[in-house]
């Protein structure tokens, strides 16, 4: 039995999903045993396949690419225990100018805040459109998402970074205990 999903992605991300001479599309299809029909005029992507789990993973990869991740990072979702978390800025904004300010808080000066969150949580983050997306290992994504939400709610960067440093030390301590 074959299943199919239709996803809508921003037109500006279609070329990224297809890749040079279709290489990204082919790679995703090969890695997931699925097929894609991409309508570049309206941004619709139809994904077809027989394995519902592989279809689900393919949808997540496409969603990650549509939220600004490069295809290589998006395909980390092929690994077990890796997830994509999308945080909508609309939940935190009061007006359009506020969205720009909130994105700036998460990115930081010259991208420093974003890089720090990524390094301390071993996650990948992307700020694109009205969302902030995170890819990584389940527990790490939850930690990164908590940090992003605290920033969006107005917590000082220094408090967030201390929180993340403590979480990283705890994680390293747990790993050492297990070994």
Protein backbone atom coordinates (compact mmCIF):
# COMPACT_ATOMS: atom_id res chain seq x y z
CA UNK A 1 0.00 0.00 0.00
CA UNK A 2 1.32 3.43 -0.91
CA UNK A 3 0.86 6.53 1.22
CA UNK A 4 1.30 10.16 0.28
CA UNK A 5 1.57 13.52 1.97
CA UNK A 6 1.40 16.98 0.49
CA UNK A 7 3.46 19.71 2.09
CA UNK A 8 3.65 23.40 1.28
CA UNK A 9 7.08 25.04 1.48
CA UNK A 10 8.27 28.59 0.77
CA UNK A 11 9.05 29.05 -2.92
CA UNK A 12 12.48 30.39 -1.99
CA UNK A 13 13.40 27.02 -0.45
CA UNK A 14 12.37 24.82 -3.40
CA UNK A 15 15.74 25.16 -5.17
CA UNK A 16 17.47 24.08 -1.94
CA UNK A 17 15.23 21.00 -1.68
CA UNK A 18 15.90 20.04 -5.30
CA UNK A 19 19.62 20.84 -5.29
CA UNK A 20 21.98 21.21 -8.19
CA UNK A 21 20.76 18.95 -11.01
CA UNK A 22 18.29 17.34 -8.57
CA UNK A 23 21.02 15.82 -6.39
CA UNK A 24 19.45 16.72 -3.01
CA UNK A 25 16.02 15.44 -4.02
CA UNK A 26 17.58 12.17 -5.27
CA UNK A 27 19.66 11.80 -2.10
CA UNK A 28 16.64 12.25 0.18
CA UNK A 29 14.56 9.86 -1.92
CA UNK A 30 17.36 7.28 -1.84
CA UNK A 31 17.94 7.60 1.93
CA UNK A 32 14.22 7.27 2.74
CA UNK A 33 12.85 4.97 0.00
CA UNK A 34 10.33 7.65 -0.97
CA UNK A 35 9.51 9.65 -4.08
CA UNK A 36 8.85 13.36 -4.36
CA UNK A 37 6.91 15.41 -6.89
CA UNK A 38 7.80 19.07 -6.49
CA UNK A 39 5.64 21.83 -7.94
CA UNK A 40 7.95 24.83 -7.94
CA UNK A 41 5.20 27.22 -9.03
CA UNK A 42 3.02 26.83 -5.93
CA UNK A 43 5.52 25.36 -3.45
CA UNK A 44 3.76 22.01 -3.10
CA UNK A 45 5.75 18.88 -2.43
CA UNK A 46 4.04 15.51 -2.72
CA UNK A 47 5.87 12.71 -0.89
CA UNK A 48 4.99 9.10 -1.67
CA UNK A 49 6.13 5.80 -0.25
CA UNK A 50 5.12 2.51 1.29
CA UNK A 51 6.72 2.84 4.74
CA UNK A 52 4.80 5.31 6.97
CA UNK A 53 7.82 5.85 9.26
CA UNK A 54 10.11 6.70 6.35
CA UNK A 55 7.43 9.04 4.99
CA UNK A 56 7.22 10.75 8.38
CA UNK A 57 11.01 11.22 8.47
CA UNK A 58 11.00 12.54 4.89
CA UNK A 59 8.30 15.07 5.84
CA UNK A 60 10.47 16.22 8.78
CA UNK A 61 13.52 16.60 6.50
CA UNK A 62 11.49 18.64 4.00
CA UNK A 63 10.04 20.74 6.84
CA UNK A 64 13.57 21.39 8.17
CA UNK A 65 14.77 22.51 4.74
CA UNK A 66 11.69 24.72 4.40
CA UNK A 67 12.53 26.33 7.79
CA UNK A 68 16.00 27.34 6.57
CA UNK A 69 18.30 24.40 7.33
CA UNK A 70 20.75 23.21 4.73
CA UNK A 71 19.97 19.70 3.39
CA UNK A 72 22.95 18.08 5.13
CA UNK A 73 21.79 19.33 8.54
CA UNK A 74 18.17 18.43 7.76
CA UNK A 75 19.21 14.86 7.00
CA UNK A 76 20.49 14.45 10.56
CA UNK A 77 16.81 13.64 11.17
CA UNK A 78 17.53 10.24 9.60
CA UNK A 79 19.37 9.34 12.82
CA UNK A 80 17.36 7.69 15.58
CA UNK A 81 16.62 10.00 18.53
CA UNK A 82 17.09 13.17 16.45
CA UNK A 83 14.16 15.55 16.26
CA UNK A 84 13.07 18.83 14.73
CA UNK A 85 11.46 21.37 17.05
CA UNK A 86 9.85 24.50 15.61
CA UNK A 87 9.05 27.46 17.83
CA UNK A 88 6.62 29.99 16.40
CA UNK A 89 7.50 33.62 17.10
CA UNK A 90 3.82 34.52 16.78
CA UNK A 91 3.27 33.19 20.31
CA UNK A 92 5.62 35.86 21.67
CA UNK A 93 5.10 38.96 19.50
CA UNK A 94 2.98 41.98 20.23
CA UNK A 95 3.52 43.67 16.83
CA UNK A 96 5.59 43.24 13.63
CA UNK A 97 8.52 45.30 14.93
CA UNK A 98 8.58 43.10 18.00
CA UNK A 99 9.24 39.99 15.82
CA UNK A 100 12.41 41.54 14.43
CA UNK A 101 13.60 42.42 17.95
CA UNK A 102 12.89 38.89 19.21
CA UNK A 103 14.78 37.33 16.29
CA UNK A 104 17.66 39.67 17.12
CA UNK A 105 17.66 38.51 20.76
CA UNK A 106 17.94 34.87 19.69
CA UNK A 107 20.58 35.53 17.03
CA UNK A 108 22.59 38.01 19.11
CA UNK A 109 25.26 40.41 17.98
CA UNK A 110 27.06 38.89 14.98
CA UNK A 111 25.23 35.60 15.66
CA UNK A 112 26.93 35.10 19.02
CA UNK A 113 23.83 34.11 21.03
CA UNK A 114 22.73 31.55 18.47
CA UNK A 115 26.24 30.08 18.19
CA UNK A 116 26.53 29.86 21.98
CA UNK A 117 23.20 28.04 22.29
CA UNK A 118 24.22 25.66 19.50
CA UNK A 119 27.61 24.93 21.08
CA UNK A 120 26.28 24.42 24.62
CA UNK A 121 23.45 22.12 23.49
CA UNK A 122 25.10 20.32 20.54
CA UNK A 123 22.12 21.36 18.38
CA UNK A 124 21.66 23.17 15.10
CA UNK A 125 19.41 26.23 15.04
CA UNK A 126 17.84 28.20 12.26
CA UNK A 127 16.00 31.51 12.54
CA UNK A 128 13.83 31.83 9.44
CA UNK A 129 10.63 33.75 8.77
CA UNK A 130 8.30 33.53 11.75
CA UNK A 131 10.03 30.54 13.35
CA UNK A 132 13.07 29.36 15.24
CA UNK A 133 13.87 25.73 14.48
CA UNK A 134 16.19 23.34 16.27
CA UNK A 135 17.60 19.97 15.18
CA UNK A 136 19.46 17.63 17.50
CA UNK A 137 19.30 14.79 19.97
CA UNK A 138 15.96 14.74 21.83
CA UNK A 139 17.18 15.93 25.27
CA UNK A 140 19.50 18.54 23.73
CA UNK A 141 16.69 19.99 21.60
CA UNK A 142 14.49 20.34 24.67
CA UNK A 143 17.27 22.19 26.49
CA UNK A 144 17.90 24.48 23.49
CA UNK A 145 14.16 25.12 23.10
CA UNK A 146 13.89 26.04 26.79
CA UNK A 147 16.75 28.52 26.37
CA UNK A 148 15.17 30.06 23.26
CA UNK A 149 11.77 30.38 24.96
CA UNK A 150 13.37 32.03 28.01
CA UNK A 151 15.13 34.50 25.69
CA UNK A 152 11.88 35.23 23.86
CA UNK A 153 10.20 35.83 27.22
CA UNK A 154 12.86 38.41 28.08
CA UNK A 155 15.38 36.60 30.29
CA UNK A 156 18.89 38.10 30.17
CA UNK A 157 21.38 36.35 27.90
CA UNK A 158 23.82 35.85 30.79
CA UNK A 159 21.21 33.87 32.77
CA UNK A 160 20.43 31.70 29.75
CA UNK A 161 24.10 30.95 29.10
CA UNK A 162 24.67 30.02 32.78
CA UNK A 163 21.64 27.71 32.60
CA UNK A 164 23.03 26.06 29.45
CA UNK A 165 26.55 25.72 30.89
CA UNK A 166 25.11 23.98 33.97
CA UNK A 167 23.04 21.64 31.77
CA UNK A 168 26.13 20.78 29.70
CA UNK A 169 28.19 20.04 32.83
CA UNK A 170 25.37 17.85 34.17
CA UNK A 171 25.20 16.00 30.85
CA UNK A 172 28.96 15.38 30.85
CA UNK A 173 28.75 14.21 34.47
CA UNK A 174 25.97 11.76 33.61
CA UNK A 175 27.98 10.42 30.67
CA UNK A 176 31.05 9.89 32.88
CA UNK A 177 28.94 8.06 35.52
CA UNK A 178 27.67 5.63 32.87
CA UNK A 179 31.21 4.87 31.65
